[in-house]
């Protein structure tokens, strides 16, 4: 259900949205967004993979505020933007607006 809100926000700005269990092998990826509640295991090495596959992508991870260890693990993995689910939800209206 939350993915549909992210899809709507992305598509409202003319972006293609793809829900994937792993990083697609496409250089034109503009955003990589990780739900730490379900995909926290992917954060280790993610920035390196993004650097190889989609170096221009903005990388963001979000998770429940009560899962502090997962949020911290994402920060330690070098993910530049790590926010709580509430912060991410509140930013959806403007998150993709700067995508040109």
PDB file of N, CA and C in Angstrom:
ATOM      1  N   UNK A   1       0.820  -1.190   0.000  1.00  0.00           N
ATOM      2  CA  UNK A   1       0.000   0.000   0.000  1.00  0.00           C
ATOM      3  C   UNK A   1       0.865   1.257   0.000  1.00  0.00           C
ATOM      4  N   UNK A   2       1.937   1.286   0.797  1.00  0.00           N
ATOM      5  CA  UNK A   2       2.797   2.456   0.831  1.00  0.00           C
ATOM      6  C   UNK A   2       3.508   2.633  -0.508  1.00  0.00           C
ATOM      7  N   UNK A   3       3.868   1.528  -1.149  1.00  0.00           N
ATOM      8  CA  UNK A   3       4.530   1.611  -2.457  1.00  0.00           C
ATOM      9  C   UNK A   3       3.654   2.326  -3.467  1.00  0.00           C
ATOM     10  N   UNK A   4       2.344   2.160  -3.362  1.00  0.00           N
ATOM     11  CA  UNK A   4       1.460   2.840  -4.307  1.00  0.00           C
ATOM     12  C   UNK A   4       1.498   4.349  -4.109  1.00  0.00           C
ATOM     13  N   UNK A   5       1.712   4.807  -2.898  1.00  0.00           N
ATOM     14  CA  UNK A   5       1.845   6.246  -2.647  1.00  0.00           C
ATOM     15  C   UNK A   5       3.151   6.779  -3.222  1.00  0.00           C
ATOM     16  N   UNK A   6       4.227   5.999  -3.088  1.00  0.00           N
ATOM     17  CA  UNK A   6       5.515   6.402  -3.663  1.00  0.00           C
ATOM     18  C   UNK A   6       5.394   6.423  -5.184  1.00  0.00           C
ATOM     19  N   UNK A   7       4.769   5.397  -5.742  1.00  0.00           N
ATOM     20  CA  UNK A   7       4.554   5.348  -7.196  1.00  0.00           C
ATOM     21  C   UNK A   7       3.797   6.585  -7.668  1.00  0.00           C
ATOM     22  N   UNK A   8       2.722   6.928  -6.978  1.00  0.00           N
ATOM     23  CA  UNK A   8       1.908   8.083  -7.371  1.00  0.00           C
ATOM     24  C   UNK A   8       2.730   9.371  -7.329  1.00  0.00           C
ATOM     25  N   UNK A   9       3.547   9.528  -6.299  1.00  0.00           N
ATOM     26  CA  UNK A   9       4.376  10.740  -6.181  1.00  0.00           C
ATOM     27  C   UNK A   9       5.402  10.804  -7.309  1.00  0.00           C
ATOM     28  N   UNK A  10       6.027   9.674  -7.624  1.00  0.00           N
ATOM     29  CA  UNK A  10       7.027   9.642  -8.699  1.00  0.00           C
ATOM     30  C   UNK A  10       6.377   9.898 -10.056  1.00  0.00           C
ATOM     31  N   UNK A  11       5.288   9.211 -10.315  1.00  0.00           N
ATOM     32  CA  UNK A  11       4.625   9.360 -11.614  1.00  0.00           C
ATOM     33  C   UNK A  11       4.025  10.748 -11.791  1.00  0.00           C
ATOM     34  N   UNK A  12       3.649  11.402 -10.704  1.00  0.00           N
ATOM     35  CA  UNK A  12       3.137  12.773 -10.792  1.00  0.00           C
ATOM     36  C   UNK A  12       4.211  13.731 -11.307  1.00  0.00           C
ATOM     37  N   UNK A  13       5.473  13.343 -11.124  1.00  0.00           N
ATOM     38  CA  UNK A  13       6.581  14.164 -11.622  1.00  0.00           C
ATOM     39  C   UNK A  13       7.152  13.611 -12.925  1.00  0.00           C
ATOM     40  N   UNK A  14       6.424  12.686 -13.549  1.00  0.00           N
ATOM     41  CA  UNK A  14       6.836  12.149 -14.839  1.00  0.00           C
ATOM     42  C   UNK A  14       7.911  11.084 -14.776  1.00  0.00           C
ATOM     43  N   UNK A  15       8.125  10.498 -13.612  1.00  0.00           N
ATOM     44  CA  UNK A  15       9.144   9.470 -13.454  1.00  0.00           C
ATOM     45  C   UNK A  15       8.521   8.078 -13.532  1.00  0.00           C
ATOM     46  N   UNK A  16       9.269   7.149 -14.060  1.00  0.00           N
ATOM     47  CA  UNK A  16       8.857   5.746 -14.061  1.00  0.00           C
ATOM     48  C   UNK A  16       9.178   5.177 -12.685  1.00  0.00           C
ATOM     49  N   UNK A  17       8.290   4.366 -12.155  1.00  0.00           N
ATOM     50  CA  UNK A  17       8.479   3.746 -10.848  1.00  0.00           C
ATOM     51  C   UNK A  17       8.589   2.243 -11.035  1.00  0.00           C
ATOM     52  N   UNK A  18       9.574   1.648 -10.361  1.00  0.00           N
ATOM     53  CA  UNK A  18       9.712   0.193 -10.401  1.00  0.00           C
ATOM     54  C   UNK A  18       9.988  -0.299  -8.993  1.00  0.00           C
ATOM     55  N   UNK A  19       9.140  -1.181  -8.516  1.00  0.00           N
ATOM     56  CA  UNK A  19       9.335  -1.829  -7.225  1.00  0.00           C
ATOM     57  C   UNK A  19      10.165  -3.070  -7.494  1.00  0.00           C
ATOM     58  N   UNK A  20      11.342  -3.161  -6.883  1.00  0.00           N
ATOM     59  CA  UNK A  20      12.247  -4.273  -7.178  1.00  0.00           C
ATOM     60  C   UNK A  20      12.878  -4.798  -5.895  1.00  0.00           C
ATOM     61  N   UNK A  21      13.174  -6.072  -5.898  1.00  0.00           N
ATOM     62  CA  UNK A  21      13.830  -6.699  -4.756  1.00  0.00           C
ATOM     63  C   UNK A  21      15.344  -6.504  -4.809  1.00  0.00           C
ATOM     64  N   UNK A  22      15.848  -6.114  -5.968  1.00  0.00           N
ATOM     65  CA  UNK A  22      17.273  -5.856  -6.110  1.00  0.00           C
ATOM     66  C   UNK A  22      17.462  -4.685  -7.076  1.00  0.00           C
ATOM     67  N   UNK A  23      18.658  -4.181  -7.121  1.00  0.00           N
ATOM     68  CA  UNK A  23      18.973  -3.035  -7.956  1.00  0.00           C
ATOM     69  C   UNK A  23      18.968  -3.435  -9.426  1.00  0.00           C
ATOM     70  N   UNK A  24      18.087  -2.838 -10.235  1.00  0.00           N
ATOM     71  CA  UNK A  24      18.069  -3.161 -11.672  1.00  0.00           C
ATOM     72  C   UNK A  24      19.382  -2.738 -12.327  1.00  0.00           C
ATOM     73  N   UNK A  25      19.757  -3.412 -13.375  1.00  0.00           N
ATOM     74  CA  UNK A  25      20.999  -3.109 -14.091  1.00  0.00           C
ATOM     75  C   UNK A  25      20.719  -2.062 -15.166  1.00  0.00           C
ATOM     76  N   UNK A  26      20.445  -0.842 -14.705  1.00  0.00           N
ATOM     77  CA  UNK A  26      20.119   0.262 -15.613  1.00  0.00           C
ATOM     78  C   UNK A  26      20.834   1.523 -15.136  1.00  0.00           C
ATOM     79  N   UNK A  27      21.500   2.185 -16.014  1.00  0.00           N
ATOM     80  CA  UNK A  27      22.242   3.401 -15.639  1.00  0.00           C
ATOM     81  C   UNK A  27      21.332   4.612 -15.464  1.00  0.00           C
ATOM     82  N   UNK A  28      20.115   4.557 -15.983  1.00  0.00           N
ATOM     83  CA  UNK A  28      19.243   5.722 -15.944  1.00  0.00           C
ATOM     84  C   UNK A  28      18.405   5.819 -14.659  1.00  0.00           C
ATOM     85  N   UNK A  29      18.746   5.063 -13.654  1.00  0.00           N
ATOM     86  CA  UNK A  29      18.018   5.111 -12.393  1.00  0.00           C
ATOM     87  C   UNK A  29      18.287   6.464 -11.729  1.00  0.00           C
ATOM     88  N   UNK A  30      17.226   7.148 -11.329  1.00  0.00           N
ATOM     89  CA  UNK A  30      17.374   8.478 -10.733  1.00  0.00           C
ATOM     90  C   UNK A  30      17.303   8.433  -9.214  1.00  0.00           C
ATOM     91  N   UNK A  31      16.535   7.474  -8.678  1.00  0.00           N
ATOM     92  CA  UNK A  31      16.369   7.335  -7.236  1.00  0.00           C
ATOM     93  C   UNK A  31      16.438   5.868  -6.852  1.00  0.00           C
ATOM     94  N   UNK A  32      17.124   5.594  -5.761  1.00  0.00           N
ATOM     95  CA  UNK A  32      17.117   4.266  -5.152  1.00  0.00           C
ATOM     96  C   UNK A  32      16.587   4.481  -3.742  1.00  0.00           C
ATOM     97  N   UNK A  33      15.436   3.885  -3.468  1.00  0.00           N
ATOM     98  CA  UNK A  33      14.778   4.077  -2.174  1.00  0.00           C
ATOM     99  C   UNK A  33      14.631   2.712  -1.517  1.00  0.00           C
ATOM    100  N   UNK A  34      15.152   2.587  -0.298  1.00  0.00           N
ATOM    101  CA  UNK A  34      15.150   1.308   0.404  1.00  0.00           C
ATOM    102  C   UNK A  34      14.242   1.390   1.627  1.00  0.00           C
ATOM    103  N   UNK A  35      13.308   0.459   1.709  1.00  0.00           N
ATOM    104  CA  UNK A  35      12.450   0.323   2.883  1.00  0.00           C
ATOM    105  C   UNK A  35      13.176  -0.581   3.865  1.00  0.00           C
ATOM    106  N   UNK A  36      13.694  -0.004   4.926  1.00  0.00           N
ATOM    107  CA  UNK A  36      14.491  -0.759   5.886  1.00  0.00           C
ATOM    108  C   UNK A  36      13.666  -1.756   6.689  1.00  0.00           C
ATOM    109  N   UNK A  37      12.369  -1.592   6.721  1.00  0.00           N
ATOM    110  CA  UNK A  37      11.517  -2.543   7.439  1.00  0.00           C
ATOM    111  C   UNK A  37      11.520  -3.900   6.743  1.00  0.00           C
ATOM    112  N   UNK A  38      11.698  -3.890   5.429  1.00  0.00           N
ATOM    113  CA  UNK A  38      11.638  -5.150   4.689  1.00  0.00           C
ATOM    114  C   UNK A  38      12.931  -5.495   3.957  1.00  0.00           C
ATOM    115  N   UNK A  39      13.784  -4.515   3.689  1.00  0.00           N
ATOM    116  CA  UNK A  39      14.981  -4.744   2.881  1.00  0.00           C
ATOM    117  C   UNK A  39      16.266  -4.275   3.543  1.00  0.00           C
ATOM    118  N   UNK A  40      16.334  -4.290   4.859  1.00  0.00           N
ATOM    119  CA  UNK A  40      17.519  -3.768   5.541  1.00  0.00           C
ATOM    120  C   UNK A  40      18.779  -4.551   5.204  1.00  0.00           C
ATOM    121  N   UNK A  41      18.625  -5.791   4.766  1.00  0.00           N
ATOM    122  CA  UNK A  41      19.787  -6.599   4.413  1.00  0.00           C
ATOM    123  C   UNK A  41      20.526  -6.132   3.178  1.00  0.00           C
ATOM    124  N   UNK A  42      19.941  -5.245   2.403  1.00  0.00           N
ATOM    125  CA  UNK A  42      20.588  -4.795   1.164  1.00  0.00           C
ATOM    126  C   UNK A  42      21.509  -3.594   1.362  1.00  0.00           C
ATOM    127  N   UNK A  43      21.531  -3.010   2.545  1.00  0.00           N
ATOM    128  CA  UNK A  43      22.280  -1.761   2.697  1.00  0.00           C
ATOM    129  C   UNK A  43      23.791  -1.959   2.618  1.00  0.00           C
ATOM    130  N   UNK A  44      24.281  -3.083   3.095  1.00  0.00           N
ATOM    131  CA  UNK A  44      25.720  -3.314   3.035  1.00  0.00           C
ATOM    132  C   UNK A  44      26.138  -3.479   1.575  1.00  0.00           C
ATOM    133  N   UNK A  45      27.007  -2.630   1.120  1.00  0.00           N
ATOM    134  CA  UNK A  45      27.473  -2.668  -0.262  1.00  0.00           C
ATOM    135  C   UNK A  45      26.576  -1.947  -1.251  1.00  0.00           C
ATOM    136  N   UNK A  46      25.461  -1.407  -0.789  1.00  0.00           N
ATOM    137  CA  UNK A  46      24.534  -0.740  -1.712  1.00  0.00           C
ATOM    138  C   UNK A  46      25.169   0.467  -2.389  1.00  0.00           C
ATOM    139  N   UNK A  47      25.866   1.284  -1.643  1.00  0.00           N
ATOM    140  CA  UNK A  47      26.448   2.489  -2.240  1.00  0.00           C
ATOM    141  C   UNK A  47      27.495   2.121  -3.295  1.00  0.00           C
ATOM    142  N   UNK A  48      28.244   1.054  -3.055  1.00  0.00           N
ATOM    143  CA  UNK A  48      29.220   0.604  -4.044  1.00  0.00           C
ATOM    144  C   UNK A  48      28.510   0.127  -5.311  1.00  0.00           C
ATOM    145  N   UNK A  49      27.443  -0.664  -5.144  1.00  0.00           N
ATOM    146  CA  UNK A  49      26.685  -1.143  -6.306  1.00  0.00           C
ATOM    147  C   UNK A  49      26.061   0.023  -7.061  1.00  0.00           C
ATOM    148  N   UNK A  50      25.518   0.991  -6.329  1.00  0.00           N
ATOM    149  CA  UNK A  50      24.936   2.162  -6.999  1.00  0.00           C
ATOM    150  C   UNK A  50      26.008   2.927  -7.765  1.00  0.00           C
ATOM    151  N   UNK A  51      27.197   3.038  -7.184  1.00  0.00           N
ATOM    152  CA  UNK A  51      28.297   3.722  -7.857  1.00  0.00           C
ATOM    153  C   UNK A  51      28.678   3.059  -9.162  1.00  0.00           C
ATOM    154  N   UNK A  52      28.543   1.744  -9.227  1.00  0.00           N
ATOM    155  CA  UNK A  52      28.878   0.994 -10.433  1.00  0.00           C
ATOM    156  C   UNK A  52      27.752   1.021 -11.463  1.00  0.00           C
ATOM    157  N   UNK A  53      26.515   0.900 -10.978  1.00  0.00           N
ATOM    158  CA  UNK A  53      25.382   0.745 -11.888  1.00  0.00           C
ATOM    159  C   UNK A  53      24.707   2.072 -12.227  1.00  0.00           C
ATOM    160  N   UNK A  54      24.472   2.877 -11.208  1.00  0.00           N
ATOM    161  CA  UNK A  54      23.723   4.127 -11.410  1.00  0.00           C
ATOM    162  C   UNK A  54      24.348   5.237 -10.555  1.00  0.00           C
ATOM    163  N   UNK A  55      25.529   5.695 -10.948  1.00  0.00           N
ATOM    164  CA  UNK A  55      26.280   6.645 -10.119  1.00  0.00           C
ATOM    165  C   UNK A  55      25.589   7.986  -9.871  1.00  0.00           C
ATOM    166  N   UNK A  56      24.634   8.347 -10.693  1.00  0.00           N
ATOM    167  CA  UNK A  56      23.956   9.632 -10.514  1.00  0.00           C
ATOM    168  C   UNK A  56      22.672   9.530  -9.698  1.00  0.00           C
ATOM    169  N   UNK A  57      22.314   8.329  -9.269  1.00  0.00           N
ATOM    170  CA  UNK A  57      21.068   8.134  -8.519  1.00  0.00           C
ATOM    171  C   UNK A  57      21.173   8.731  -7.118  1.00  0.00           C
ATOM    172  N   UNK A  58      20.065   9.285  -6.668  1.00  0.00           N
ATOM    173  CA  UNK A  58      19.952   9.745  -5.284  1.00  0.00           C
ATOM    174  C   UNK A  58      19.519   8.531  -4.469  1.00  0.00           C
ATOM    175  N   UNK A  59      20.232   8.252  -3.390  1.00  0.00           N
ATOM    176  CA  UNK A  59      19.962   7.068  -2.579  1.00  0.00           C
ATOM    177  C   UNK A  59      19.387   7.492  -1.242  1.00  0.00           C
ATOM    178  N   UNK A  60      18.288   6.863  -0.879  1.00  0.00           N
ATOM    179  CA  UNK A  60      17.567   7.193   0.344  1.00  0.00           C
ATOM    180  C   UNK A  60      17.079   5.897   0.980  1.00  0.00           C
ATOM    181  N   UNK A  61      17.123   5.845   2.311  1.00  0.00           N
ATOM    182  CA  UNK A  61      16.563   4.708   3.046  1.00  0.00           C
ATOM    183  C   UNK A  61      15.643   5.242   4.127  1.00  0.00           C
ATOM    184  N   UNK A  62      14.563   4.504   4.363  1.00  0.00           N
ATOM    185  CA  UNK A  62      13.639   4.904   5.418  1.00  0.00           C
ATOM    186  C   UNK A  62      13.197   3.669   6.186  1.00  0.00           C
ATOM    187  N   UNK A  63      12.822   3.894   7.430  1.00  0.00           N
ATOM    188  CA  UNK A  63      12.358   2.776   8.245  1.00  0.00           C
ATOM    189  C   UNK A  63      11.615   3.275   9.461  1.00  0.00           C
ATOM    190  N   UNK A  64      10.990   2.344  10.167  1.00  0.00           N
ATOM    191  CA  UNK A  64      10.250   2.711  11.375  1.00  0.00           C
ATOM    192  C   UNK A  64      11.162   3.362  12.414  1.00  0.00           C
ATOM    193  N   UNK A  65      10.674   4.394  13.059  1.00  0.00           N
ATOM    194  CA  UNK A  65      11.501   5.112  14.038  1.00  0.00           C
ATOM    195  C   UNK A  65      11.924   4.216  15.195  1.00  0.00           C
ATOM    196  N   UNK A  66      11.196   3.158  15.460  1.00  0.00           N
ATOM    197  CA  UNK A  66      11.535   2.257  16.558  1.00  0.00           C
ATOM    198  C   UNK A  66      12.625   1.260  16.175  1.00  0.00           C
ATOM    199  N   UNK A  67      12.963   1.165  14.906  1.00  0.00           N
ATOM    200  CA  UNK A  67      14.022   0.255  14.457  1.00  0.00           C
ATOM    201  C   UNK A  67      15.332   1.029  14.294  1.00  0.00           C
ATOM    202  N   UNK A  68      15.791   1.556  15.402  1.00  0.00           N
ATOM    203  CA  UNK A  68      16.974   2.413  15.424  1.00  0.00           C
ATOM    204  C   UNK A  68      18.195   1.696  14.860  1.00  0.00           C
ATOM    205  N   UNK A  69      18.355   0.425  15.177  1.00  0.00           N
ATOM    206  CA  UNK A  69      19.526  -0.315  14.687  1.00  0.00           C
ATOM    207  C   UNK A  69      19.552  -0.372  13.166  1.00  0.00           C
ATOM    208  N   UNK A  70      18.395  -0.544  12.543  1.00  0.00           N
ATOM    209  CA  UNK A  70      18.347  -0.582  11.073  1.00  0.00           C
ATOM    210  C   UNK A  70      18.657   0.782  10.483  1.00  0.00           C
ATOM    211  N   UNK A  71      18.146   1.833  11.093  1.00  0.00           N
ATOM    212  CA  UNK A  71      18.445   3.185  10.626  1.00  0.00           C
ATOM    213  C   UNK A  71      19.939   3.461  10.769  1.00  0.00           C
ATOM    214  N   UNK A  72      20.507   3.077  11.911  1.00  0.00           N
ATOM    215  CA  UNK A  72      21.943   3.283  12.134  1.00  0.00           C
ATOM    216  C   UNK A  72      22.793   2.482  11.155  1.00  0.00           C
ATOM    217  N   UNK A  73      22.386   1.242  10.878  1.00  0.00           N
ATOM    218  CA  UNK A  73      23.129   0.397   9.942  1.00  0.00           C
ATOM    219  C   UNK A  73      23.161   1.036   8.556  1.00  0.00           C
ATOM    220  N   UNK A  74      22.049   1.620   8.141  1.00  0.00           N
ATOM    221  CA  UNK A  74      21.990   2.284   6.837  1.00  0.00           C
ATOM    222  C   UNK A  74      22.920   3.496   6.811  1.00  0.00           C
ATOM    223  N   UNK A  75      22.941   4.253   7.888  1.00  0.00           N
ATOM    224  CA  UNK A  75      23.843   5.412   7.957  1.00  0.00           C
ATOM    225  C   UNK A  75      25.296   4.954   7.900  1.00  0.00           C
ATOM    226  N   UNK A  76      25.615   3.900   8.646  1.00  0.00           N
ATOM    227  CA  UNK A  76      26.981   3.374   8.660  1.00  0.00           C
ATOM    228  C   UNK A  76      27.394   2.817   7.313  1.00  0.00           C
ATOM    229  N   UNK A  77      26.429   2.362   6.523  1.00  0.00           N
ATOM    230  CA  UNK A  77      26.713   1.843   5.189  1.00  0.00           C
ATOM    231  C   UNK A  77      26.951   2.964   4.181  1.00  0.00           C
ATOM    232  N   UNK A  78      26.804   4.210   4.626  1.00  0.00           N
ATOM    233  CA  UNK A  78      27.080   5.343   3.748  1.00  0.00           C
ATOM    234  C   UNK A  78      25.898   5.866   2.964  1.00  0.00           C
ATOM    235  N   UNK A  79      24.715   5.388   3.275  1.00  0.00           N
ATOM    236  CA  UNK A  79      23.537   5.905   2.576  1.00  0.00           C
ATOM    237  C   UNK A  79      23.360   7.365   2.977  1.00  0.00           C
ATOM    238  N   UNK A  80      23.348   8.277   2.023  1.00  0.00           N
ATOM    239  CA  UNK A  80      23.382   9.704   2.332  1.00  0.00           C
ATOM    240  C   UNK A  80      22.140  10.247   3.042  1.00  0.00           C
ATOM    241  N   UNK A  81      20.976   9.688   2.749  1.00  0.00           N
ATOM    242  CA  UNK A  81      19.740  10.166   3.385  1.00  0.00           C
ATOM    243  C   UNK A  81      19.057   8.973   4.043  1.00  0.00           C
ATOM    244  N   UNK A  82      18.975   9.008   5.371  1.00  0.00           N
ATOM    245  CA  UNK A  82      18.300   7.969   6.139  1.00  0.00           C
ATOM    246  C   UNK A  82      17.291   8.672   7.032  1.00  0.00           C
ATOM    247  N   UNK A  83      16.024   8.339   6.846  1.00  0.00           N
ATOM    248  CA  UNK A  83      14.955   9.018   7.578  1.00  0.00           C
ATOM    249  C   UNK A  83      13.974   7.990   8.136  1.00  0.00           C
ATOM    250  N   UNK A  84      13.151   8.449   9.054  1.00  0.00           N
ATOM    251  CA  UNK A  84      12.095   7.583   9.559  1.00  0.00           C
ATOM    252  C   UNK A  84      10.992   7.496   8.511  1.00  0.00           C
ATOM    253  N   UNK A  85      10.153   6.505   8.669  1.00  0.00           N
ATOM    254  CA  UNK A  85       9.035   6.344   7.720  1.00  0.00           C
ATOM    255  C   UNK A  85       8.145   7.582   7.736  1.00  0.00           C
ATOM    256  N   UNK A  86       7.912   8.149   8.916  1.00  0.00           N
ATOM    257  CA  UNK A  86       7.096   9.356   9.008  1.00  0.00           C
ATOM    258  C   UNK A  86       7.712  10.523   8.256  1.00  0.00           C
ATOM    259  N   UNK A  87       9.030  10.700   8.392  1.00  0.00           N
ATOM    260  CA  UNK A  87       9.714  11.774   7.676  1.00  0.00           C
ATOM    261  C   UNK A  87       9.626  11.541   6.166  1.00  0.00           C
ATOM    262  N   UNK A  88       9.809  10.287   5.756  1.00  0.00           N
ATOM    263  CA  UNK A  88       9.725   9.961   4.334  1.00  0.00           C
ATOM    264  C   UNK A  88       8.319  10.225   3.806  1.00  0.00           C
ATOM    265  N   UNK A  89       7.339   9.793   4.557  1.00  0.00           N
ATOM    266  CA  UNK A  89       5.943   9.990   4.161  1.00  0.00           C
ATOM    267  C   UNK A  89       5.624  11.473   3.993  1.00  0.00           C
ATOM    268  N   UNK A  90       6.086  12.283   4.921  1.00  0.00           N
ATOM    269  CA  UNK A  90       5.834  13.732   4.842  1.00  0.00           C
ATOM    270  C   UNK A  90       6.564  14.373   3.662  1.00  0.00           C
ATOM    271  N   UNK A  91       7.667  13.790   3.214  1.00  0.00           N
ATOM    272  CA  UNK A  91       8.438  14.389   2.117  1.00  0.00           C
ATOM    273  C   UNK A  91       7.955  13.962   0.734  1.00  0.00           C
ATOM    274  N   UNK A  92       7.052  12.987   0.674  1.00  0.00           N
ATOM    275  CA  UNK A  92       6.630  12.455  -0.629  1.00  0.00           C
ATOM    276  C   UNK A  92       6.094  13.523  -1.574  1.00  0.00           C
ATOM    277  N   UNK A  93       5.407  14.515  -1.046  1.00  0.00           N
ATOM    278  CA  UNK A  93       4.831  15.545  -1.898  1.00  0.00           C
ATOM    279  C   UNK A  93       5.862  16.354  -2.658  1.00  0.00           C
ATOM    280  N   UNK A  94       7.078  16.431  -2.132  1.00  0.00           N
ATOM    281  CA  UNK A  94       8.116  17.237  -2.784  1.00  0.00           C
ATOM    282  C   UNK A  94       9.369  16.456  -3.144  1.00  0.00           C
ATOM    283  N   UNK A  95       9.442  15.220  -2.763  1.00  0.00           N
ATOM    284  CA  UNK A  95      10.670  14.428  -2.964  1.00  0.00           C
ATOM    285  C   UNK A  95      11.150  14.396  -4.402  1.00  0.00           C
ATOM    286  N   UNK A  96      10.257  14.207  -5.326  1.00  0.00           N
ATOM    287  CA  UNK A  96      10.638  14.037  -6.733  1.00  0.00           C
ATOM    288  C   UNK A  96      10.528  15.317  -7.552  1.00  0.00           C
ATOM    289  N   UNK A  97      10.160  16.412  -6.931  1.00  0.00           N
ATOM    290  CA  UNK A  97       9.954  17.658  -7.687  1.00  0.00           C
ATOM    291  C   UNK A  97      11.195  18.185  -8.369  1.00  0.00           C
ATOM    292  N   UNK A  98      12.358  17.947  -7.810  1.00  0.00           N
ATOM    293  CA  UNK A  98      13.586  18.481  -8.409  1.00  0.00           C
ATOM    294  C   UNK A  98      14.130  17.569  -9.503  1.00  0.00           C
ATOM    295  N   UNK A  99      13.401  16.496  -9.815  1.00  0.00           N
ATOM    296  CA  UNK A  99      13.861  15.572 -10.859  1.00  0.00           C
ATOM    297  C   UNK A  99      13.617  16.191 -12.238  1.00  0.00           C
ATOM    298  N   UNK A 100      14.679  16.521 -12.914  1.00  0.00           N
ATOM    299  CA  UNK A 100      14.577  17.108 -14.257  1.00  0.00           C
ATOM    300  C   UNK A 100      15.096  16.155 -15.288  1.00  0.00           C
TER     301      UNK A 100
END
